[in-house]
């Protein structure tokens, strides 16, 4: 449960970063003028925020996919383990 919670929180953060990056970049008129400006290192260009959000998105979705596959495999193993004794009882009669 907590594994899914962490992954979904990362997905929410990635989506929020993409949204904030796009909104801030739109407010600057979609310019790239201050992208490499080093005079003010504490000012982050909106493209950087957008890039971080986009970089987090595929990794988080991949982790969610792997968790889902692992959960389905465990369920299949449990279903197979519980159904095998029943099938052996029916064949022995």
PDB file of N, CA and C in Angstrom:
ATOM      1  N   UNK A   1       0.820  -1.196   0.000  1.00  0.00           N
ATOM      2  CA  UNK A   1       0.000   0.000   0.000  1.00  0.00           C
ATOM      3  C   UNK A   1       0.864   1.260   0.000  1.00  0.00           C
ATOM      4  N   UNK A   2       1.867   1.281   0.871  1.00  0.00           N
ATOM      5  CA  UNK A   2       2.720   2.468   0.942  1.00  0.00           C
ATOM      6  C   UNK A   2       3.579   2.603  -0.314  1.00  0.00           C
ATOM      7  N   UNK A   3       3.873   1.488  -0.966  1.00  0.00           N
ATOM      8  CA  UNK A   3       4.626   1.570  -2.221  1.00  0.00           C
ATOM      9  C   UNK A   3       3.832   2.322  -3.276  1.00  0.00           C
ATOM     10  N   UNK A   4       2.551   1.980  -3.364  1.00  0.00           N
ATOM     11  CA  UNK A   4       1.702   2.675  -4.323  1.00  0.00           C
ATOM     12  C   UNK A   4       1.531   4.139  -3.951  1.00  0.00           C
ATOM     13  N   UNK A   5       1.381   4.416  -2.659  1.00  0.00           N
ATOM     14  CA  UNK A   5       1.192   5.790  -2.211  1.00  0.00           C
ATOM     15  C   UNK A   5       2.376   6.654  -2.606  1.00  0.00           C
ATOM     16  N   UNK A   6       3.585   6.150  -2.394  1.00  0.00           N
ATOM     17  CA  UNK A   6       4.784   6.908  -2.753  1.00  0.00           C
ATOM     18  C   UNK A   6       4.853   7.158  -4.255  1.00  0.00           C
ATOM     19  N   UNK A   7       4.547   6.138  -5.051  1.00  0.00           N
ATOM     20  CA  UNK A   7       4.609   6.294  -6.511  1.00  0.00           C
ATOM     21  C   UNK A   7       3.552   7.272  -7.003  1.00  0.00           C
ATOM     22  N   UNK A   8       2.353   7.207  -6.422  1.00  0.00           N
ATOM     23  CA  UNK A   8       1.313   8.142  -6.845  1.00  0.00           C
ATOM     24  C   UNK A   8       1.632   9.563  -6.402  1.00  0.00           C
ATOM     25  N   UNK A   9       2.268   9.722  -5.252  1.00  0.00           N
ATOM     26  CA  UNK A   9       2.702  11.060  -4.842  1.00  0.00           C
ATOM     27  C   UNK A   9       3.754  11.609  -5.802  1.00  0.00           C
ATOM     28  N   UNK A  10       4.679  10.752  -6.242  1.00  0.00           N
ATOM     29  CA  UNK A  10       5.668  11.183  -7.230  1.00  0.00           C
ATOM     30  C   UNK A  10       4.998  11.551  -8.554  1.00  0.00           C
ATOM     31  N   UNK A  11       3.967  10.815  -8.917  1.00  0.00           N
ATOM     32  CA  UNK A  11       3.228  11.127 -10.142  1.00  0.00           C
ATOM     33  C   UNK A  11       2.523  12.480 -10.015  1.00  0.00           C
ATOM     34  N   UNK A  12       1.964  12.760  -8.849  1.00  0.00           N
ATOM     35  CA  UNK A  12       1.311  14.049  -8.616  1.00  0.00           C
ATOM     36  C   UNK A  12       2.333  15.178  -8.670  1.00  0.00           C
ATOM     37  N   UNK A  13       3.493  14.971  -8.058  1.00  0.00           N
ATOM     38  CA  UNK A  13       4.544  16.000  -8.077  1.00  0.00           C
ATOM     39  C   UNK A  13       5.025  16.252  -9.504  1.00  0.00           C
ATOM     40  N   UNK A  14       5.204  15.188 -10.277  1.00  0.00           N
ATOM     41  CA  UNK A  14       5.645  15.348 -11.666  1.00  0.00           C
ATOM     42  C   UNK A  14       4.623  16.141 -12.478  1.00  0.00           C
ATOM     43  N   UNK A  15       3.356  15.818 -12.308  1.00  0.00           N
ATOM     44  CA  UNK A  15       2.304  16.533 -13.024  1.00  0.00           C
ATOM     45  C   UNK A  15       2.244  17.994 -12.592  1.00  0.00           C
ATOM     46  N   UNK A  16       2.411  18.237 -11.294  1.00  0.00           N
ATOM     47  CA  UNK A  16       2.395  19.622 -10.796  1.00  0.00           C
ATOM     48  C   UNK A  16       3.578  20.414 -11.336  1.00  0.00           C
ATOM     49  N   UNK A  17       4.760  19.798 -11.390  1.00  0.00           N
ATOM     50  CA  UNK A  17       5.924  20.491 -11.930  1.00  0.00           C
ATOM     51  C   UNK A  17       5.745  20.833 -13.410  1.00  0.00           C
ATOM     52  N   UNK A  18       5.162  19.914 -14.160  1.00  0.00           N
ATOM     53  CA  UNK A  18       4.903  20.179 -15.579  1.00  0.00           C
ATOM     54  C   UNK A  18       3.931  21.343 -15.723  1.00  0.00           C
ATOM     55  N   UNK A  19       2.872  21.323 -14.916  1.00  0.00           N
ATOM     56  CA  UNK A  19       1.873  22.394 -14.988  1.00  0.00           C
ATOM     57  C   UNK A  19       2.464  23.739 -14.604  1.00  0.00           C
ATOM     58  N   UNK A  20       3.194  23.776 -13.489  1.00  0.00           N
ATOM     59  CA  UNK A  20       3.802  25.031 -13.036  1.00  0.00           C
ATOM     60  C   UNK A  20       4.834  25.520 -14.048  1.00  0.00           C
ATOM     61  N   UNK A  21       5.632  24.611 -14.581  1.00  0.00           N
ATOM     62  CA  UNK A  21       6.624  24.992 -15.580  1.00  0.00           C
ATOM     63  C   UNK A  21       5.989  25.605 -16.818  1.00  0.00           C
ATOM     64  N   UNK A  22       4.904  24.985 -17.294  1.00  0.00           N
ATOM     65  CA  UNK A  22       4.222  25.532 -18.473  1.00  0.00           C
ATOM     66  C   UNK A  22       3.586  26.885 -18.175  1.00  0.00           C
ATOM     67  N   UNK A  23       2.956  27.020 -17.010  1.00  0.00           N
ATOM     68  CA  UNK A  23       2.319  28.298 -16.671  1.00  0.00           C
ATOM     69  C   UNK A  23       3.343  29.418 -16.508  1.00  0.00           C
ATOM     70  N   UNK A  24       4.450  29.116 -15.845  1.00  0.00           N
ATOM     71  CA  UNK A  24       5.480  30.139 -15.678  1.00  0.00           C
ATOM     72  C   UNK A  24       6.144  30.498 -17.002  1.00  0.00           C
ATOM     73  N   UNK A  25       6.362  29.499 -17.831  1.00  0.00           N
ATOM     74  CA  UNK A  25       6.970  29.762 -19.134  1.00  0.00           C
ATOM     75  C   UNK A  25       6.030  30.584 -20.005  1.00  0.00           C
ATOM     76  N   UNK A  26       4.728  30.312 -19.910  1.00  0.00           N
ATOM     77  CA  UNK A  26       3.745  31.100 -20.660  1.00  0.00           C
ATOM     78  C   UNK A  26       3.734  32.540 -20.172  1.00  0.00           C
ATOM     79  N   UNK A  27       3.940  32.743 -18.858  1.00  0.00           N
ATOM     80  CA  UNK A  27       3.935  34.111 -18.327  1.00  0.00           C
ATOM     81  C   UNK A  27       5.155  34.906 -18.804  1.00  0.00           C
ATOM     82  N   UNK A  28       6.222  34.226 -19.195  1.00  0.00           N
ATOM     83  CA  UNK A  28       7.393  34.919 -19.745  1.00  0.00           C
ATOM     84  C   UNK A  28       7.321  35.043 -21.257  1.00  0.00           C
ATOM     85  N   UNK A  29       6.231  34.595 -21.850  1.00  0.00           N
ATOM     86  CA  UNK A  29       6.062  34.699 -23.306  1.00  0.00           C
ATOM     87  C   UNK A  29       6.782  33.596 -24.060  1.00  0.00           C
ATOM     88  N   UNK A  30       7.025  32.460 -23.425  1.00  0.00           N
ATOM     89  CA  UNK A  30       7.712  31.315 -24.023  1.00  0.00           C
ATOM     90  C   UNK A  30       9.088  31.690 -24.569  1.00  0.00           C
ATOM     91  N   UNK A  31       9.791  32.554 -23.856  1.00  0.00           N
ATOM     92  CA  UNK A  31      11.137  32.943 -24.279  1.00  0.00           C
ATOM     93  C   UNK A  31      12.174  32.066 -23.602  1.00  0.00           C
ATOM     94  N   UNK A  32      13.326  32.014 -24.206  1.00  0.00           N
ATOM     95  CA  UNK A  32      14.452  31.263 -23.639  1.00  0.00           C
ATOM     96  C   UNK A  32      15.610  32.198 -23.288  1.00  0.00           C
ATOM     97  N   UNK A  33      15.323  33.471 -23.115  1.00  0.00           N
ATOM     98  CA  UNK A  33      16.387  34.454 -22.912  1.00  0.00           C
ATOM     99  C   UNK A  33      17.161  34.232 -21.615  1.00  0.00           C
ATOM    100  N   UNK A  34      16.490  33.984 -20.517  1.00  0.00           N
ATOM    101  CA  UNK A  34      17.162  33.839 -19.221  1.00  0.00           C
ATOM    102  C   UNK A  34      17.551  32.403 -18.906  1.00  0.00           C
ATOM    103  N   UNK A  35      17.508  31.531 -19.869  1.00  0.00           N
ATOM    104  CA  UNK A  35      17.749  30.113 -19.605  1.00  0.00           C
ATOM    105  C   UNK A  35      19.155  29.860 -19.078  1.00  0.00           C
ATOM    106  N   UNK A  36      20.159  30.483 -19.669  1.00  0.00           N
ATOM    107  CA  UNK A  36      21.547  30.263 -19.252  1.00  0.00           C
ATOM    108  C   UNK A  36      22.150  31.477 -18.560  1.00  0.00           C
ATOM    109  N   UNK A  37      21.318  32.332 -18.025  1.00  0.00           N
ATOM    110  CA  UNK A  37      21.812  33.517 -17.344  1.00  0.00           C
ATOM    111  C   UNK A  37      22.367  33.131 -15.971  1.00  0.00           C
ATOM    112  N   UNK A  38      23.626  33.477 -15.736  1.00  0.00           N
ATOM    113  CA  UNK A  38      24.290  33.091 -14.495  1.00  0.00           C
ATOM    114  C   UNK A  38      24.429  34.249 -13.516  1.00  0.00           C
ATOM    115  N   UNK A  39      23.919  35.422 -13.847  1.00  0.00           N
ATOM    116  CA  UNK A  39      24.017  36.564 -12.943  1.00  0.00           C
ATOM    117  C   UNK A  39      23.154  36.379 -11.701  1.00  0.00           C
ATOM    118  N   UNK A  40      22.037  35.692 -11.849  1.00  0.00           N
ATOM    119  CA  UNK A  40      21.122  35.446 -10.743  1.00  0.00           C
ATOM    120  C   UNK A  40      20.916  33.939 -10.608  1.00  0.00           C
ATOM    121  N   UNK A  41      21.798  33.255  -9.914  1.00  0.00           N
ATOM    122  CA  UNK A  41      21.702  31.793  -9.871  1.00  0.00           C
ATOM    123  C   UNK A  41      20.476  31.280  -9.117  1.00  0.00           C
ATOM    124  N   UNK A  42      19.821  32.124  -8.295  1.00  0.00           N
ATOM    125  CA  UNK A  42      18.662  31.657  -7.544  1.00  0.00           C
ATOM    126  C   UNK A  42      17.374  31.731  -8.364  1.00  0.00           C
ATOM    127  N   UNK A  43      17.424  32.313  -9.560  1.00  0.00           N
ATOM    128  CA  UNK A  43      16.256  32.365 -10.429  1.00  0.00           C
ATOM    129  C   UNK A  43      16.316  31.154 -11.364  1.00  0.00           C
ATOM    130  N   UNK A  44      15.316  30.315 -11.267  1.00  0.00           N
ATOM    131  CA  UNK A  44      15.248  29.112 -12.098  1.00  0.00           C
ATOM    132  C   UNK A  44      14.315  29.388 -13.268  1.00  0.00           C
ATOM    133  N   UNK A  45      14.777  29.101 -14.455  1.00  0.00           N
ATOM    134  CA  UNK A  45      13.948  29.297 -15.649  1.00  0.00           C
ATOM    135  C   UNK A  45      12.837  28.247 -15.656  1.00  0.00           C
ATOM    136  N   UNK A  46      11.644  28.612 -16.109  1.00  0.00           N
ATOM    137  CA  UNK A  46      10.524  27.663 -16.134  1.00  0.00           C
ATOM    138  C   UNK A  46      10.780  26.407 -16.955  1.00  0.00           C
ATOM    139  N   UNK A  47      11.646  26.482 -17.946  1.00  0.00           N
ATOM    140  CA  UNK A  47      11.958  25.289 -18.738  1.00  0.00           C
ATOM    141  C   UNK A  47      12.653  24.235 -17.880  1.00  0.00           C
ATOM    142  N   UNK A  48      13.442  24.667 -16.916  1.00  0.00           N
ATOM    143  CA  UNK A  48      14.105  23.721 -16.017  1.00  0.00           C
ATOM    144  C   UNK A  48      13.060  22.989 -15.178  1.00  0.00           C
ATOM    145  N   UNK A  49      12.084  23.717 -14.658  1.00  0.00           N
ATOM    146  CA  UNK A  49      11.007  23.091 -13.877  1.00  0.00           C
ATOM    147  C   UNK A  49      10.218  22.118 -14.742  1.00  0.00           C
ATOM    148  N   UNK A  50       9.923  22.523 -15.950  1.00  0.00           N
ATOM    149  CA  UNK A  50       9.205  21.673 -16.891  1.00  0.00           C
ATOM    150  C   UNK A  50      10.002  20.411 -17.205  1.00  0.00           C
ATOM    151  N   UNK A  51      11.292  20.554 -17.398  1.00  0.00           N
ATOM    152  CA  UNK A  51      12.151  19.412 -17.711  1.00  0.00           C
ATOM    153  C   UNK A  51      12.230  18.424 -16.555  1.00  0.00           C
ATOM    154  N   UNK A  52      12.313  18.918 -15.332  1.00  0.00           N
ATOM    155  CA  UNK A  52      12.341  18.028 -14.163  1.00  0.00           C
ATOM    156  C   UNK A  52      11.033  17.242 -14.071  1.00  0.00           C
ATOM    157  N   UNK A  53       9.906  17.916 -14.279  1.00  0.00           N
ATOM    158  CA  UNK A  53       8.616  17.224 -14.254  1.00  0.00           C
ATOM    159  C   UNK A  53       8.503  16.176 -15.341  1.00  0.00           C
ATOM    160  N   UNK A  54       8.958  16.513 -16.544  1.00  0.00           N
ATOM    161  CA  UNK A  54       8.915  15.545 -17.645  1.00  0.00           C
ATOM    162  C   UNK A  54       9.872  14.382 -17.416  1.00  0.00           C
ATOM    163  N   UNK A  55      10.989  14.632 -16.749  1.00  0.00           N
ATOM    164  CA  UNK A  55      11.940  13.558 -16.463  1.00  0.00           C
ATOM    165  C   UNK A  55      11.400  12.607 -15.396  1.00  0.00           C
ATOM    166  N   UNK A  56      10.618  13.119 -14.467  1.00  0.00           N
ATOM    167  CA  UNK A  56      10.052  12.270 -13.410  1.00  0.00           C
ATOM    168  C   UNK A  56       8.907  11.406 -13.908  1.00  0.00           C
ATOM    169  N   UNK A  57       8.203  11.845 -14.905  1.00  0.00           N
ATOM    170  CA  UNK A  57       6.979  11.180 -15.339  1.00  0.00           C
ATOM    171  C   UNK A  57       7.191   9.746 -15.840  1.00  0.00           C
ATOM    172  N   UNK A  58       8.076   9.476 -16.807  1.00  0.00           N
ATOM    173  CA  UNK A  58       8.205   8.097 -17.294  1.00  0.00           C
ATOM    174  C   UNK A  58       8.739   7.133 -16.237  1.00  0.00           C
ATOM    175  N   UNK A  59       9.637   7.615 -15.401  1.00  0.00           N
ATOM    176  CA  UNK A  59      10.204   6.750 -14.362  1.00  0.00           C
ATOM    177  C   UNK A  59       9.120   6.335 -13.372  1.00  0.00           C
ATOM    178  N   UNK A  60       8.294   7.291 -12.980  1.00  0.00           N
ATOM    179  CA  UNK A  60       7.228   7.000 -12.030  1.00  0.00           C
ATOM    180  C   UNK A  60       6.190   6.064 -12.639  1.00  0.00           C
ATOM    181  N   UNK A  61       5.829   6.307 -13.880  1.00  0.00           N
ATOM    182  CA  UNK A  61       4.864   5.414 -14.536  1.00  0.00           C
ATOM    183  C   UNK A  61       5.434   4.006 -14.700  1.00  0.00           C
ATOM    184  N   UNK A  62       6.726   3.895 -14.975  1.00  0.00           N
ATOM    185  CA  UNK A  62       7.365   2.583 -15.097  1.00  0.00           C
ATOM    186  C   UNK A  62       7.340   1.847 -13.765  1.00  0.00           C
ATOM    187  N   UNK A  63       7.631   2.556 -12.671  1.00  0.00           N
ATOM    188  CA  UNK A  63       7.592   1.946 -11.345  1.00  0.00           C
ATOM    189  C   UNK A  63       6.180   1.458 -11.005  1.00  0.00           C
ATOM    190  N   UNK A  64       5.168   2.252 -11.337  1.00  0.00           N
ATOM    191  CA  UNK A  64       3.785   1.820 -11.100  1.00  0.00           C
ATOM    192  C   UNK A  64       3.445   0.585 -11.925  1.00  0.00           C
ATOM    193  N   UNK A  65       3.912   0.542 -13.152  1.00  0.00           N
ATOM    194  CA  UNK A  65       3.667  -0.615 -14.005  1.00  0.00           C
ATOM    195  C   UNK A  65       4.334  -1.866 -13.434  1.00  0.00           C
ATOM    196  N   UNK A  66       5.566  -1.731 -12.972  1.00  0.00           N
ATOM    197  CA  UNK A  66       6.261  -2.878 -12.388  1.00  0.00           C
ATOM    198  C   UNK A  66       5.571  -3.372 -11.116  1.00  0.00           C
ATOM    199  N   UNK A  67       5.096  -2.452 -10.287  1.00  0.00           N
ATOM    200  CA  UNK A  67       4.365  -2.853  -9.081  1.00  0.00           C
ATOM    201  C   UNK A  67       3.074  -3.580  -9.445  1.00  0.00           C
ATOM    202  N   UNK A  68       2.381  -3.113 -10.461  1.00  0.00           N
ATOM    203  CA  UNK A  68       1.135  -3.754 -10.880  1.00  0.00           C
ATOM    204  C   UNK A  68       1.406  -5.154 -11.420  1.00  0.00           C
ATOM    205  N   UNK A  69       2.456  -5.307 -12.200  1.00  0.00           N
ATOM    206  CA  UNK A  69       2.799  -6.629 -12.745  1.00  0.00           C
ATOM    207  C   UNK A  69       3.173  -7.587 -11.618  1.00  0.00           C
ATOM    208  N   UNK A  70       3.959  -7.108 -10.642  1.00  0.00           N
ATOM    209  CA  UNK A  70       4.345  -7.954  -9.519  1.00  0.00           C
ATOM    210  C   UNK A  70       3.125  -8.369  -8.700  1.00  0.00           C
ATOM    211  N   UNK A  71       2.196  -7.462  -8.514  1.00  0.00           N
ATOM    212  CA  UNK A  71       0.981  -7.782  -7.763  1.00  0.00           C
ATOM    213  C   UNK A  71       0.151  -8.822  -8.497  1.00  0.00           C
ATOM    214  N   UNK A  72       0.009  -8.673  -9.793  1.00  0.00           N
ATOM    215  CA  UNK A  72      -0.756  -9.645 -10.577  1.00  0.00           C
ATOM    216  C   UNK A  72      -0.084 -11.014 -10.569  1.00  0.00           C
ATOM    217  N   UNK A  73       1.243 -11.070 -10.625  1.00  0.00           N
ATOM    218  CA  UNK A  73       1.938 -12.351 -10.581  1.00  0.00           C
ATOM    219  C   UNK A  73       1.744 -13.034  -9.238  1.00  0.00           C
ATOM    220  N   UNK A  74       1.798 -12.257  -8.146  1.00  0.00           N
ATOM    221  CA  UNK A  74       1.563 -12.839  -6.820  1.00  0.00           C
ATOM    222  C   UNK A  74       0.147 -13.379  -6.702  1.00  0.00           C
ATOM    223  N   UNK A  75      -0.821 -12.649  -7.237  1.00  0.00           N
ATOM    224  CA  UNK A  75      -2.209 -13.116  -7.198  1.00  0.00           C
ATOM    225  C   UNK A  75      -2.373 -14.390  -8.013  1.00  0.00           C
ATOM    226  N   UNK A  76      -1.731 -14.459  -9.182  1.00  0.00           N
ATOM    227  CA  UNK A  76      -1.803 -15.667 -10.002  1.00  0.00           C
ATOM    228  C   UNK A  76      -1.172 -16.855  -9.289  1.00  0.00           C
ATOM    229  N   UNK A  77      -0.032 -16.634  -8.614  1.00  0.00           N
ATOM    230  CA  UNK A  77       0.619 -17.717  -7.871  1.00  0.00           C
ATOM    231  C   UNK A  77      -0.259 -18.186  -6.721  1.00  0.00           C
ATOM    232  N   UNK A  78      -0.908 -17.250  -6.041  1.00  0.00           N
ATOM    233  CA  UNK A  78      -1.799 -17.623  -4.943  1.00  0.00           C
ATOM    234  C   UNK A  78      -3.012 -18.387  -5.455  1.00  0.00           C
ATOM    235  N   UNK A  79      -3.559 -17.952  -6.571  1.00  0.00           N
ATOM    236  CA  UNK A  79      -4.700 -18.656  -7.149  1.00  0.00           C
ATOM    237  C   UNK A  79      -4.306 -20.047  -7.625  1.00  0.00           C
ATOM    238  N   UNK A  80      -3.132 -20.191  -8.184  1.00  0.00           N
ATOM    239  CA  UNK A  80      -2.653 -21.491  -8.648  1.00  0.00           C
ATOM    240  C   UNK A  80      -2.389 -22.411  -7.471  1.00  0.00           C
ATOM    241  N   UNK A  81      -1.798 -21.872  -6.409  1.00  0.00           N
ATOM    242  CA  UNK A  81      -1.492 -22.685  -5.230  1.00  0.00           C
ATOM    243  C   UNK A  81      -2.763 -23.156  -4.542  1.00  0.00           C
ATOM    244  N   UNK A  82      -3.783 -22.355  -4.508  1.00  0.00           N
ATOM    245  CA  UNK A  82      -5.022 -22.766  -3.852  1.00  0.00           C
ATOM    246  C   UNK A  82      -5.865 -23.665  -4.741  1.00  0.00           C
ATOM    247  N   UNK A  83      -5.730 -23.571  -6.041  1.00  0.00           N
ATOM    248  CA  UNK A  83      -6.538 -24.400  -6.928  1.00  0.00           C
ATOM    249  C   UNK A  83      -5.905 -25.760  -7.194  1.00  0.00           C
ATOM    250  N   UNK A  84      -4.612 -25.933  -7.004  1.00  0.00           N
ATOM    251  CA  UNK A  84      -3.947 -27.214  -7.255  1.00  0.00           C
ATOM    252  C   UNK A  84      -4.434 -28.324  -6.324  1.00  0.00           C
ATOM    253  N   UNK A  85      -4.554 -28.125  -5.028  1.00  0.00           N
ATOM    254  CA  UNK A  85      -5.063 -29.224  -4.186  1.00  0.00           C
ATOM    255  C   UNK A  85      -6.469 -29.629  -4.575  1.00  0.00           C
ATOM    256  N   UNK A  86      -7.297 -28.734  -4.982  1.00  0.00           N
ATOM    257  CA  UNK A  86      -8.655 -29.079  -5.400  1.00  0.00           C
ATOM    258  C   UNK A  86      -8.629 -29.927  -6.662  1.00  0.00           C
ATOM    259  N   UNK A  87      -7.756 -29.612  -7.595  1.00  0.00           N
ATOM    260  CA  UNK A  87      -7.700 -30.370  -8.832  1.00  0.00           C
ATOM    261  C   UNK A  87      -7.136 -31.764  -8.575  1.00  0.00           C
ATOM    262  N   UNK A  88      -6.240 -31.929  -7.598  1.00  0.00           N
ATOM    263  CA  UNK A  88      -5.708 -33.241  -7.280  1.00  0.00           C
ATOM    264  C   UNK A  88      -6.758 -34.095  -6.590  1.00  0.00           C
ATOM    265  N   UNK A  89      -7.610 -33.504  -5.802  1.00  0.00           N
ATOM    266  CA  UNK A  89      -8.678 -34.258  -5.142  1.00  0.00           C
ATOM    267  C   UNK A  89      -9.655 -34.803  -6.173  1.00  0.00           C
ATOM    268  N   UNK A  90      -9.965 -33.989  -7.169  1.00  0.00           N
ATOM    269  CA  UNK A  90     -10.924 -34.438  -8.173  1.00  0.00           C
ATOM    270  C   UNK A  90     -10.338 -35.536  -9.049  1.00  0.00           C
ATOM    271  N   UNK A  91      -9.060 -35.498  -9.297  1.00  0.00           N
ATOM    272  CA  UNK A  91      -8.458 -36.544 -10.146  1.00  0.00           C
ATOM    273  C   UNK A  91      -8.268 -37.845  -9.381  1.00  0.00           C
ATOM    274  N   UNK A  92      -8.138 -37.790  -8.062  1.00  0.00           N
ATOM    275  CA  UNK A  92      -7.918 -39.018  -7.308  1.00  0.00           C
ATOM    276  C   UNK A  92      -9.203 -39.799  -7.105  1.00  0.00           C
ATOM    277  N   UNK A  93     -10.328 -39.183  -7.296  1.00  0.00           N
ATOM    278  CA  UNK A  93     -11.613 -39.893  -7.120  1.00  0.00           C
ATOM    279  C   UNK A  93     -11.858 -40.709  -8.300  1.00  0.00           C
TER     280      UNK A  93
END
